[in-house]
Amino acid sequence: MTVKLINSYLTSRNCNFRVENSNSSPRPIDSDVQQDSLLDYILFLHHFDGISKDTDGHLSICTDDTVIATTHTQTQNIRALQKQWCKLENWRENWKNKINPTKCAYEYL
């Protein structure tokens, strides 16, 4: 049932345009899930749920940004962050996600 419902959002979609009192004929929509739609948020939460379940530190996710934070001593901190990064990398490989290395950074406070 759920698969059929999601599939209906992704396939054979059409839209009409209205200008004043005139309607266009149905036009196919070739794009994926509409950004900022309810389905977009549900799929996002489902997709990123795996990261949040497998974290040892503090994890924050907002749209396509992810922050991993930890509060350990210096040596423990480095090990904890490395462990967390490896988990994130495994998750990324399993889900075929890409990480832009030019947008990756770390801070030591």
PDB file of N, CA and C in Angstrom:
ATOM      1  N   MET A   1       0.821  -1.199   0.000  1.00  0.00           N
ATOM      2  CA  MET A   1       0.000   0.000   0.000  1.00  0.00           C
ATOM      3  C   MET A   1       0.863   1.261   0.000  1.00  0.00           C
ATOM      4  N   THR A   2       1.845   1.310   0.923  1.00  0.00           N
ATOM      5  CA  THR A   2       2.705   2.489   1.025  1.00  0.00           C
ATOM      6  C   THR A   2       3.508   2.698  -0.248  1.00  0.00           C
ATOM      7  N   VAL A   3       4.038   1.604  -0.796  1.00  0.00           N
ATOM      8  CA  VAL A   3       4.832   1.709  -2.020  1.00  0.00           C
ATOM      9  C   VAL A   3       3.973   2.246  -3.161  1.00  0.00           C
ATOM     10  N   LYS A   4       2.734   1.782  -3.252  1.00  0.00           N
ATOM     11  CA  LYS A   4       1.838   2.271  -4.304  1.00  0.00           C
ATOM     12  C   LYS A   4       1.545   3.756  -4.128  1.00  0.00           C
ATOM     13  N   LEU A   5       1.351   4.168  -2.884  1.00  0.00           N
ATOM     14  CA  LEU A   5       1.071   5.578  -2.616  1.00  0.00           C
ATOM     15  C   LEU A   5       2.257   6.452  -3.023  1.00  0.00           C
ATOM     16  N   ILE A   6       3.455   6.076  -2.597  1.00  0.00           N
ATOM     17  CA  ILE A   6       4.651   6.857  -2.947  1.00  0.00           C
ATOM     18  C   ILE A   6       4.864   6.835  -4.456  1.00  0.00           C
ATOM     19  N   ASN A   7       4.670   5.677  -5.067  1.00  0.00           N
ATOM     20  CA  ASN A   7       4.826   5.573  -6.518  1.00  0.00           C
ATOM     21  C   ASN A   7       3.864   6.509  -7.247  1.00  0.00           C
ATOM     22  N   SER A   8       2.662   6.673  -6.715  1.00  0.00           N
ATOM     23  CA  SER A   8       1.695   7.567  -7.359  1.00  0.00           C
ATOM     24  C   SER A   8       2.154   9.023  -7.332  1.00  0.00           C
ATOM     25  N   TYR A   9       2.978   9.380  -6.339  1.00  0.00           N
ATOM     26  CA  TYR A   9       3.519  10.738  -6.284  1.00  0.00           C
ATOM     27  C   TYR A   9       4.661  10.938  -7.280  1.00  0.00           C
ATOM     28  N   LEU A  10       5.272   9.840  -7.705  1.00  0.00           N
ATOM     29  CA  LEU A  10       6.483   9.938  -8.522  1.00  0.00           C
ATOM     30  C   LEU A  10       6.274   9.639 -10.002  1.00  0.00           C
ATOM     31  N   THR A  11       5.178   9.017 -10.364  1.00  0.00           N
ATOM     32  CA  THR A  11       4.988   8.617 -11.760  1.00  0.00           C
ATOM     33  C   THR A  11       3.697   9.195 -12.330  1.00  0.00           C
ATOM     34  N   SER A  12       3.700   9.347 -13.629  1.00  0.00           N
ATOM     35  CA  SER A  12       2.506   9.786 -14.373  1.00  0.00           C
ATOM     36  C   SER A  12       1.858  11.029 -13.782  1.00  0.00           C
ATOM     37  N   ARG A  13       2.668  12.002 -13.435  1.00  0.00           N
ATOM     38  CA  ARG A  13       2.109  13.233 -12.866  1.00  0.00           C
ATOM     39  C   ARG A  13       1.928  14.267 -13.964  1.00  0.00           C
ATOM     40  N   ASN A  14       0.867  15.044 -13.842  1.00  0.00           N
ATOM     41  CA  ASN A  14       0.564  16.108 -14.797  1.00  0.00           C
ATOM     42  C   ASN A  14       0.214  17.381 -14.049  1.00  0.00           C
ATOM     43  N   CYS A  15       0.304  18.470 -14.749  1.00  0.00           N
ATOM     44  CA  CYS A  15      -0.139  19.736 -14.170  1.00  0.00           C
ATOM     45  C   CYS A  15      -0.847  20.546 -15.256  1.00  0.00           C
ATOM     46  N   ASN A  16      -1.706  21.434 -14.814  1.00  0.00           N
ATOM     47  CA  ASN A  16      -2.403  22.355 -15.716  1.00  0.00           C
ATOM     48  C   ASN A  16      -2.029  23.770 -15.318  1.00  0.00           C
ATOM     49  N   PHE A  17      -2.046  24.649 -16.278  1.00  0.00           N
ATOM     50  CA  PHE A  17      -1.784  26.060 -16.010  1.00  0.00           C
ATOM     51  C   PHE A  17      -3.056  26.848 -16.269  1.00  0.00           C
ATOM     52  N   ARG A  18      -3.284  27.815 -15.434  1.00  0.00           N
ATOM     53  CA  ARG A  18      -4.469  28.647 -15.605  1.00  0.00           C
ATOM     54  C   ARG A  18      -4.038  30.099 -15.717  1.00  0.00           C
ATOM     55  N   VAL A  19      -4.504  30.760 -16.751  1.00  0.00           N
ATOM     56  CA  VAL A  19      -4.278  32.189 -16.948  1.00  0.00           C
ATOM     57  C   VAL A  19      -5.652  32.814 -17.131  1.00  0.00           C
ATOM     58  N   GLU A  20      -6.010  33.635 -16.161  1.00  0.00           N
ATOM     59  CA  GLU A  20      -7.346  34.237 -16.116  1.00  0.00           C
ATOM     60  C   GLU A  20      -8.401  33.137 -16.200  1.00  0.00           C
ATOM     61  N   ASN A  21      -9.199  33.088 -17.254  1.00  0.00           N
ATOM     62  CA  ASN A  21     -10.261  32.083 -17.354  1.00  0.00           C
ATOM     63  C   ASN A  21      -9.912  30.914 -18.269  1.00  0.00           C
ATOM     64  N   SER A  22      -8.669  30.829 -18.695  1.00  0.00           N
ATOM     65  CA  SER A  22      -8.267  29.766 -19.624  1.00  0.00           C
ATOM     66  C   SER A  22      -7.365  28.753 -18.927  1.00  0.00           C
ATOM     67  N   ASN A  23      -7.631  27.471 -19.167  1.00  0.00           N
ATOM     68  CA  ASN A  23      -6.801  26.386 -18.640  1.00  0.00           C
ATOM     69  C   ASN A  23      -6.024  25.732 -19.770  1.00  0.00           C
ATOM     70  N   SER A  24      -4.802  25.361 -19.482  1.00  0.00           N
ATOM     71  CA  SER A  24      -4.007  24.637 -20.473  1.00  0.00           C
ATOM     72  C   SER A  24      -4.408  23.166 -20.461  1.00  0.00           C
ATOM     73  N   SER A  25      -3.948  22.452 -21.447  1.00  0.00           N
ATOM     74  CA  SER A  25      -4.129  20.999 -21.434  1.00  0.00           C
ATOM     75  C   SER A  25      -3.127  20.411 -20.430  1.00  0.00           C
ATOM     76  N   PRO A  26      -3.363  19.212 -19.926  1.00  0.00           N
ATOM     77  CA  PRO A  26      -2.423  18.612 -18.970  1.00  0.00           C
ATOM     78  C   PRO A  26      -1.029  18.458 -19.573  1.00  0.00           C
ATOM     79  N   ARG A  27      -0.038  18.817 -18.797  1.00  0.00           N
ATOM     80  CA  ARG A  27       1.371  18.697 -19.216  1.00  0.00           C
ATOM     81  C   ARG A  27       2.082  17.745 -18.258  1.00  0.00           C
ATOM     82  N   PRO A  28       2.934  16.851 -18.785  1.00  0.00           N
ATOM     83  CA  PRO A  28       3.641  15.924 -17.888  1.00  0.00           C
ATOM     84  C   PRO A  28       4.674  16.650 -17.023  1.00  0.00           C
ATOM     85  N   ILE A  29       4.839  16.160 -15.812  1.00  0.00           N
ATOM     86  CA  ILE A  29       5.870  16.671 -14.905  1.00  0.00           C
ATOM     87  C   ILE A  29       7.008  15.663 -14.929  1.00  0.00           C
ATOM     88  N   ASP A  30       8.189  16.114 -15.332  1.00  0.00           N
ATOM     89  CA  ASP A  30       9.330  15.215 -15.473  1.00  0.00           C
ATOM     90  C   ASP A  30      10.245  15.202 -14.248  1.00  0.00           C
ATOM     91  N   SER A  31      10.014  16.066 -13.282  1.00  0.00           N
ATOM     92  CA  SER A  31      10.916  16.151 -12.134  1.00  0.00           C
ATOM     93  C   SER A  31      10.565  15.115 -11.077  1.00  0.00           C
ATOM     94  N   ASP A  32      11.432  15.012 -10.065  1.00  0.00           N
ATOM     95  CA  ASP A  32      11.227  14.074  -8.966  1.00  0.00           C
ATOM     96  C   ASP A  32      10.223  14.644  -7.970  1.00  0.00           C
ATOM     97  N   VAL A  33      10.381  14.287  -6.724  1.00  0.00           N
ATOM     98  CA  VAL A  33       9.486  14.763  -5.672  1.00  0.00           C
ATOM     99  C   VAL A  33       9.588  16.278  -5.563  1.00  0.00           C
ATOM    100  N   GLN A  34       8.455  16.915  -5.445  1.00  0.00           N
ATOM    101  CA  GLN A  34       8.435  18.375  -5.325  1.00  0.00           C
ATOM    102  C   GLN A  34       9.130  18.800  -4.035  1.00  0.00           C
ATOM    103  N   GLN A  35      10.081  19.714  -4.162  1.00  0.00           N
ATOM    104  CA  GLN A  35      10.809  20.210  -3.000  1.00  0.00           C
ATOM    105  C   GLN A  35       9.852  20.932  -2.057  1.00  0.00           C
ATOM    106  N   ASP A  36      10.042  20.731  -0.759  1.00  0.00           N
ATOM    107  CA  ASP A  36       9.225  21.318   0.307  1.00  0.00           C
ATOM    108  C   ASP A  36       7.813  20.746   0.372  1.00  0.00           C
ATOM    109  N   SER A  37       7.559  19.649  -0.305  1.00  0.00           N
ATOM    110  CA  SER A  37       6.255  19.000  -0.183  1.00  0.00           C
ATOM    111  C   SER A  37       6.279  18.073   1.033  1.00  0.00           C
ATOM    112  N   LEU A  38       5.128  17.630   1.461  1.00  0.00           N
ATOM    113  CA  LEU A  38       5.043  16.714   2.595  1.00  0.00           C
ATOM    114  C   LEU A  38       5.827  15.442   2.310  1.00  0.00           C
ATOM    115  N   LEU A  39       5.696  14.909   1.104  1.00  0.00           N
ATOM    116  CA  LEU A  39       6.431  13.700   0.745  1.00  0.00           C
ATOM    117  C   LEU A  39       7.933  13.941   0.793  1.00  0.00           C
ATOM    118  N   ASP A  40       8.394  15.101   0.395  1.00  0.00           N
ATOM    119  CA  ASP A  40       9.808  15.458   0.449  1.00  0.00           C
ATOM    120  C   ASP A  40      10.328  15.340   1.880  1.00  0.00           C
ATOM    121  N   TYR A  41       9.595  15.882   2.837  1.00  0.00           N
ATOM    122  CA  TYR A  41      10.012  15.824   4.245  1.00  0.00           C
ATOM    123  C   TYR A  41       9.967  14.404   4.793  1.00  0.00           C
ATOM    124  N   ILE A  42       8.942  13.652   4.439  1.00  0.00           N
ATOM    125  CA  ILE A  42       8.836  12.271   4.923  1.00  0.00           C
ATOM    126  C   ILE A  42       9.988  11.427   4.394  1.00  0.00           C
ATOM    127  N   LEU A  43      10.286  11.550   3.110  1.00  0.00           N
ATOM    128  CA  LEU A  43      11.400  10.792   2.532  1.00  0.00           C
ATOM    129  C   LEU A  43      12.736  11.228   3.122  1.00  0.00           C
ATOM    130  N   PHE A  44      12.898  12.522   3.373  1.00  0.00           N
ATOM    131  CA  PHE A  44      14.124  13.024   3.991  1.00  0.00           C
ATOM    132  C   PHE A  44      14.312  12.396   5.367  1.00  0.00           C
ATOM    133  N   LEU A  45      13.271  12.413   6.190  1.00  0.00           N
ATOM    134  CA  LEU A  45      13.364  11.846   7.537  1.00  0.00           C
ATOM    135  C   LEU A  45      13.658  10.355   7.490  1.00  0.00           C
ATOM    136  N   HIS A  46      13.015   9.651   6.588  1.00  0.00           N
ATOM    137  CA  HIS A  46      13.264   8.218   6.451  1.00  0.00           C
ATOM    138  C   HIS A  46      14.700   7.956   5.997  1.00  0.00           C
ATOM    139  N   HIS A  47      15.154   8.729   5.041  1.00  0.00           N
ATOM    140  CA  HIS A  47      16.488   8.548   4.473  1.00  0.00           C
ATOM    141  C   HIS A  47      17.580   8.781   5.517  1.00  0.00           C
ATOM    142  N   PHE A  48      17.447   9.836   6.322  1.00  0.00           N
ATOM    143  CA  PHE A  48      18.485  10.187   7.281  1.00  0.00           C
ATOM    144  C   PHE A  48      18.297   9.550   8.649  1.00  0.00           C
ATOM    145  N   ASP A  49      17.260   8.751   8.818  1.00  0.00           N
ATOM    146  CA  ASP A  49      17.011   8.102  10.096  1.00  0.00           C
ATOM    147  C   ASP A  49      18.161   7.182  10.488  1.00  0.00           C
ATOM    148  N   GLY A  50      18.780   6.531   9.515  1.00  0.00           N
ATOM    149  CA  GLY A  50      19.879   5.615   9.792  1.00  0.00           C
ATOM    150  C   GLY A  50      21.089   6.278  10.414  1.00  0.00           C
ATOM    151  N   ILE A  51      21.357   7.513  10.074  1.00  0.00           N
ATOM    152  CA  ILE A  51      22.495   8.222  10.661  1.00  0.00           C
ATOM    153  C   ILE A  51      22.244   8.468  12.138  1.00  0.00           C
ATOM    154  N   SER A  52      21.077   8.959  12.469  1.00  0.00           N
ATOM    155  CA  SER A  52      20.803   9.362  13.846  1.00  0.00           C
ATOM    156  C   SER A  52      20.751   8.183  14.807  1.00  0.00           C
ATOM    157  N   LYS A  53      20.453   6.991  14.322  1.00  0.00           N
ATOM    158  CA  LYS A  53      20.392   5.819  15.193  1.00  0.00           C
ATOM    159  C   LYS A  53      21.770   5.277  15.521  1.00  0.00           C
ATOM    160  N   ASP A  54      22.758   5.615  14.756  1.00  0.00           N
ATOM    161  CA  ASP A  54      24.083   5.020  14.894  1.00  0.00           C
ATOM    162  C   ASP A  54      25.127   6.080  15.217  1.00  0.00           C
ATOM    163  N   THR A  55      24.866   6.883  16.231  1.00  0.00           N
ATOM    164  CA  THR A  55      25.804   7.947  16.561  1.00  0.00           C
ATOM    165  C   THR A  55      26.229   7.863  18.018  1.00  0.00           C
ATOM    166  N   ASP A  56      27.495   8.149  18.269  1.00  0.00           N
ATOM    167  CA  ASP A  56      28.014   8.171  19.633  1.00  0.00           C
ATOM    168  C   ASP A  56      28.130   9.594  20.152  1.00  0.00           C
ATOM    169  N   GLY A  57      28.165  10.540  19.265  1.00  0.00           N
ATOM    170  CA  GLY A  57      28.300  11.942  19.658  1.00  0.00           C
ATOM    171  C   GLY A  57      26.984  12.668  19.487  1.00  0.00           C
ATOM    172  N   HIS A  58      27.063  13.962  19.367  1.00  0.00           N
ATOM    173  CA  HIS A  58      25.886  14.791  19.114  1.00  0.00           C
ATOM    174  C   HIS A  58      25.799  14.997  17.606  1.00  0.00           C
ATOM    175  N   LEU A  59      24.645  14.721  17.049  1.00  0.00           N
ATOM    176  CA  LEU A  59      24.458  14.812  15.610  1.00  0.00           C
ATOM    177  C   LEU A  59      23.324  15.778  15.317  1.00  0.00           C
ATOM    178  N   SER A  60      23.574  16.724  14.426  1.00  0.00           N
ATOM    179  CA  SER A  60      22.547  17.669  13.991  1.00  0.00           C
ATOM    180  C   SER A  60      22.469  17.629  12.475  1.00  0.00           C
ATOM    181  N   ILE A  61      21.251  17.526  11.955  1.00  0.00           N
ATOM    182  CA  ILE A  61      21.034  17.483  10.512  1.00  0.00           C
ATOM    183  C   ILE A  61      20.010  18.545  10.151  1.00  0.00           C
ATOM    184  N   CYS A  62      20.353  19.359   9.173  1.00  0.00           N
ATOM    185  CA  CYS A  62      19.425  20.369   8.668  1.00  0.00           C
ATOM    186  C   CYS A  62      19.577  20.404   7.152  1.00  0.00           C
ATOM    187  N   THR A  63      18.546  20.058   6.452  1.00  0.00           N
ATOM    188  CA  THR A  63      18.552  19.889   4.993  1.00  0.00           C
ATOM    189  C   THR A  63      19.760  19.061   4.581  1.00  0.00           C
ATOM    190  N   ASP A  64      20.715  19.621   3.863  1.00  0.00           N
ATOM    191  CA  ASP A  64      21.846  18.805   3.425  1.00  0.00           C
ATOM    192  C   ASP A  64      23.109  19.070   4.235  1.00  0.00           C
ATOM    193  N   ASP A  65      22.983  19.641   5.422  1.00  0.00           N
ATOM    194  CA  ASP A  65      24.131  19.900   6.296  1.00  0.00           C
ATOM    195  C   ASP A  65      24.082  18.959   7.493  1.00  0.00           C
ATOM    196  N   THR A  66      25.239  18.411   7.841  1.00  0.00           N
ATOM    197  CA  THR A  66      25.335  17.512   8.987  1.00  0.00           C
ATOM    198  C   THR A  66      26.479  17.968   9.871  1.00  0.00           C
ATOM    199  N   VAL A  67      26.232  18.013  11.173  1.00  0.00           N
ATOM    200  CA  VAL A  67      27.257  18.390  12.144  1.00  0.00           C
ATOM    201  C   VAL A  67      27.410  17.243  13.130  1.00  0.00           C
ATOM    202  N   ILE A  68      28.651  16.823  13.352  1.00  0.00           N
ATOM    203  CA  ILE A  68      28.968  15.821  14.363  1.00  0.00           C
ATOM    204  C   ILE A  68      29.792  16.527  15.430  1.00  0.00           C
ATOM    205  N   ALA A  69      29.366  16.426  16.682  1.00  0.00           N
ATOM    206  CA  ALA A  69      30.094  17.077  17.776  1.00  0.00           C
ATOM    207  C   ALA A  69      30.302  16.074  18.902  1.00  0.00           C
ATOM    208  N   THR A  70      31.378  16.257  19.630  1.00  0.00           N
ATOM    209  CA  THR A  70      31.661  15.393  20.762  1.00  0.00           C
ATOM    210  C   THR A  70      32.376  16.186  21.845  1.00  0.00           C
ATOM    211  N   THR A  71      32.261  15.735  23.079  1.00  0.00           N
ATOM    212  CA  THR A  71      32.929  16.411  24.202  1.00  0.00           C
ATOM    213  C   THR A  71      33.742  15.379  24.967  1.00  0.00           C
ATOM    214  N   HIS A  72      34.970  15.193  24.566  1.00  0.00           N
ATOM    215  CA  HIS A  72      35.890  14.262  25.209  1.00  0.00           C
ATOM    216  C   HIS A  72      37.208  15.004  25.436  1.00  0.00           C
ATOM    217  N   THR A  73      38.138  14.308  26.091  1.00  0.00           N
ATOM    218  CA  THR A  73      39.484  14.877  26.181  1.00  0.00           C
ATOM    219  C   THR A  73      40.074  14.880  24.782  1.00  0.00           C
ATOM    220  N   GLN A  74      41.191  15.543  24.621  1.00  0.00           N
ATOM    221  CA  GLN A  74      41.745  15.736  23.274  1.00  0.00           C
ATOM    222  C   GLN A  74      41.933  14.417  22.523  1.00  0.00           C
ATOM    223  N   THR A  75      42.609  13.436  23.113  1.00  0.00           N
ATOM    224  CA  THR A  75      42.854  12.170  22.417  1.00  0.00           C
ATOM    225  C   THR A  75      41.550  11.419  22.188  1.00  0.00           C
ATOM    226  N   GLN A  76      40.704  11.364  23.212  1.00  0.00           N
ATOM    227  CA  GLN A  76      39.417  10.683  23.067  1.00  0.00           C
ATOM    228  C   GLN A  76      38.549  11.381  22.023  1.00  0.00           C
ATOM    229  N   ASN A  77      38.635  12.699  21.983  1.00  0.00           N
ATOM    230  CA  ASN A  77      37.848  13.493  21.046  1.00  0.00           C
ATOM    231  C   ASN A  77      38.184  13.118  19.605  1.00  0.00           C
ATOM    232  N   ILE A  78      39.462  13.050  19.318  1.00  0.00           N
ATOM    233  CA  ILE A  78      39.909  12.718  17.962  1.00  0.00           C
ATOM    234  C   ILE A  78      39.448  11.314  17.587  1.00  0.00           C
ATOM    235  N   ARG A  79      39.600  10.366  18.505  1.00  0.00           N
ATOM    236  CA  ARG A  79      39.170   8.990  18.233  1.00  0.00           C
ATOM    237  C   ARG A  79      37.655   8.908  18.040  1.00  0.00           C
ATOM    238  N   ALA A  80      36.907   9.603  18.893  1.00  0.00           N
ATOM    239  CA  ALA A  80      35.439   9.579  18.800  1.00  0.00           C
ATOM    240  C   ALA A  80      34.964  10.178  17.480  1.00  0.00           C
ATOM    241  N   LEU A  81      35.561  11.294  17.077  1.00  0.00           N
ATOM    242  CA  LEU A  81      35.166  11.919  15.813  1.00  0.00           C
ATOM    243  C   LEU A  81      35.539  11.042  14.617  1.00  0.00           C
ATOM    244  N   GLN A  82      36.709  10.401  14.683  1.00  0.00           N
ATOM    245  CA  GLN A  82      37.117   9.504  13.597  1.00  0.00           C
ATOM    246  C   GLN A  82      36.152   8.327  13.490  1.00  0.00           C
ATOM    247  N   LYS A  83      35.776   7.763  14.644  1.00  0.00           N
ATOM    248  CA  LYS A  83      34.824   6.649  14.657  1.00  0.00           C
ATOM    249  C   LYS A  83      33.486   7.086  14.055  1.00  0.00           C
ATOM    250  N   GLN A  84      33.039   8.277  14.441  1.00  0.00           N
ATOM    251  CA  GLN A  84      31.773   8.794  13.927  1.00  0.00           C
ATOM    252  C   GLN A  84      31.855   9.059  12.426  1.00  0.00           C
ATOM    253  N   TRP A  85      32.998   9.585  11.981  1.00  0.00           N
ATOM    254  CA  TRP A  85      33.185   9.836  10.549  1.00  0.00           C
ATOM    255  C   TRP A  85      33.137   8.522   9.769  1.00  0.00           C
ATOM    256  N   CYS A  86      33.750   7.466  10.291  1.00  0.00           N
ATOM    257  CA  CYS A  86      33.723   6.163   9.616  1.00  0.00           C
ATOM    258  C   CYS A  86      32.295   5.630   9.510  1.00  0.00           C
ATOM    259  N   LYS A  87      31.489   5.810  10.572  1.00  0.00           N
ATOM    260  CA  LYS A  87      30.085   5.389  10.520  1.00  0.00           C
ATOM    261  C   LYS A  87      29.324   6.186   9.462  1.00  0.00           C
ATOM    262  N   LEU A  88      29.577   7.478   9.413  1.00  0.00           N
ATOM    263  CA  LEU A  88      28.921   8.322   8.419  1.00  0.00           C
ATOM    264  C   LEU A  88      29.330   7.910   7.006  1.00  0.00           C
ATOM    265  N   GLU A  89      30.595   7.583   6.829  1.00  0.00           N
ATOM    266  CA  GLU A  89      31.089   7.150   5.523  1.00  0.00           C
ATOM    267  C   GLU A  89      30.439   5.826   5.108  1.00  0.00           C
ATOM    268  N   ASN A  90      30.302   4.893   6.037  1.00  0.00           N
ATOM    269  CA  ASN A  90      29.624   3.624   5.731  1.00  0.00           C
ATOM    270  C   ASN A  90      28.169   3.864   5.343  1.00  0.00           C
ATOM    271  N   TRP A  91      27.500   4.735   6.088  1.00  0.00           N
ATOM    272  CA  TRP A  91      26.109   5.063   5.772  1.00  0.00           C
ATOM    273  C   TRP A  91      26.024   5.685   4.379  1.00  0.00           C
ATOM    274  N   ARG A  92      26.934   6.599   4.088  1.00  0.00           N
ATOM    275  CA  ARG A  92      26.953   7.281   2.796  1.00  0.00           C
ATOM    276  C   ARG A  92      27.140   6.279   1.658  1.00  0.00           C
ATOM    277  N   GLU A  93      28.058   5.336   1.835  1.00  0.00           N
ATOM    278  CA  GLU A  93      28.291   4.323   0.796  1.00  0.00           C
ATOM    279  C   GLU A  93      27.061   3.439   0.599  1.00  0.00           C
ATOM    280  N   ASN A  94      26.430   3.027   1.691  1.00  0.00           N
ATOM    281  CA  ASN A  94      25.240   2.174   1.590  1.00  0.00           C
ATOM    282  C   ASN A  94      24.104   2.871   0.851  1.00  0.00           C
ATOM    283  N   TRP A  95      23.947   4.168   1.078  1.00  0.00           N
ATOM    284  CA  TRP A  95      22.851   4.915   0.459  1.00  0.00           C
ATOM    285  C   TRP A  95      23.277   5.614  -0.834  1.00  0.00           C
ATOM    286  N   LYS A  96      24.522   5.424  -1.260  1.00  0.00           N
ATOM    287  CA  LYS A  96      25.036   6.005  -2.513  1.00  0.00           C
ATOM    288  C   LYS A  96      24.975   7.533  -2.516  1.00  0.00           C
ATOM    289  N   ASN A  97      25.200   8.134  -1.349  1.00  0.00           N
ATOM    290  CA  ASN A  97      25.235   9.599  -1.257  1.00  0.00           C
ATOM    291  C   ASN A  97      26.631  10.108  -1.575  1.00  0.00           C
ATOM    292  N   LYS A  98      26.705  11.342  -1.978  1.00  0.00           N
ATOM    293  CA  LYS A  98      27.987  11.972  -2.269  1.00  0.00           C
ATOM    294  C   LYS A  98      28.260  13.048  -1.225  1.00  0.00           C
ATOM    295  N   ILE A  99      29.527  13.193  -0.876  1.00  0.00           N
ATOM    296  CA  ILE A  99      29.954  14.252   0.039  1.00  0.00           C
ATOM    297  C   ILE A  99      30.904  15.151  -0.725  1.00  0.00           C
ATOM    298  N   ASN A 100      30.659  16.429  -0.671  1.00  0.00           N
ATOM    299  CA  ASN A 100      31.515  17.398  -1.344  1.00  0.00           C
ATOM    300  C   ASN A 100      32.673  17.754  -0.408  1.00  0.00           C
ATOM    301  N   PRO A 101      33.897  17.288  -0.705  1.00  0.00           N
ATOM    302  CA  PRO A 101      35.023  17.540   0.195  1.00  0.00           C
ATOM    303  C   PRO A 101      35.344  19.023   0.374  1.00  0.00           C
ATOM    304  N   THR A 102      34.985  19.849  -0.597  1.00  0.00           N
ATOM    305  CA  THR A 102      35.277  21.283  -0.451  1.00  0.00           C
ATOM    306  C   THR A 102      34.351  21.948   0.564  1.00  0.00           C
ATOM    307  N   LYS A 103      33.275  21.254   0.947  1.00  0.00           N
ATOM    308  CA  LYS A 103      32.353  21.810   1.935  1.00  0.00           C
ATOM    309  C   LYS A 103      32.515  21.162   3.308  1.00  0.00           C
ATOM    310  N   CYS A 104      33.509  20.300   3.464  1.00  0.00           N
ATOM    311  CA  CYS A 104      33.757  19.634   4.744  1.00  0.00           C
ATOM    312  C   CYS A 104      34.785  20.426   5.543  1.00  0.00           C
ATOM    313  N   ALA A 105      34.559  20.505   6.831  1.00  0.00           N
ATOM    314  CA  ALA A 105      35.481  21.241   7.698  1.00  0.00           C
ATOM    315  C   ALA A 105      35.400  20.683   9.111  1.00  0.00           C
ATOM    316  N   TYR A 106      36.368  21.036   9.930  1.00  0.00           N
ATOM    317  CA  TYR A 106      36.308  20.674  11.338  1.00  0.00           C
ATOM    318  C   TYR A 106      36.745  21.866  12.167  1.00  0.00           C
ATOM    319  N   GLU A 107      36.280  21.882  13.397  1.00  0.00           N
ATOM    320  CA  GLU A 107      36.675  22.919  14.352  1.00  0.00           C
ATOM    321  C   GLU A 107      37.042  22.247  15.655  1.00  0.00           C
ATOM    322  N   TYR A 108      38.067  22.756  16.278  1.00  0.00           N
ATOM    323  CA  TYR A 108      38.453  22.261  17.593  1.00  0.00           C
ATOM    324  C   TYR A 108      38.318  23.419  18.567  1.00  0.00           C
ATOM    325  N   LEU A 109      37.429  23.281  19.535  1.00  0.00           N
ATOM    326  CA  LEU A 109      37.200  24.356  20.506  1.00  0.00           C
ATOM    327  C   LEU A 109      37.730  23.975  21.867  1.00  0.00           C
TER     328      LEU A 109
END
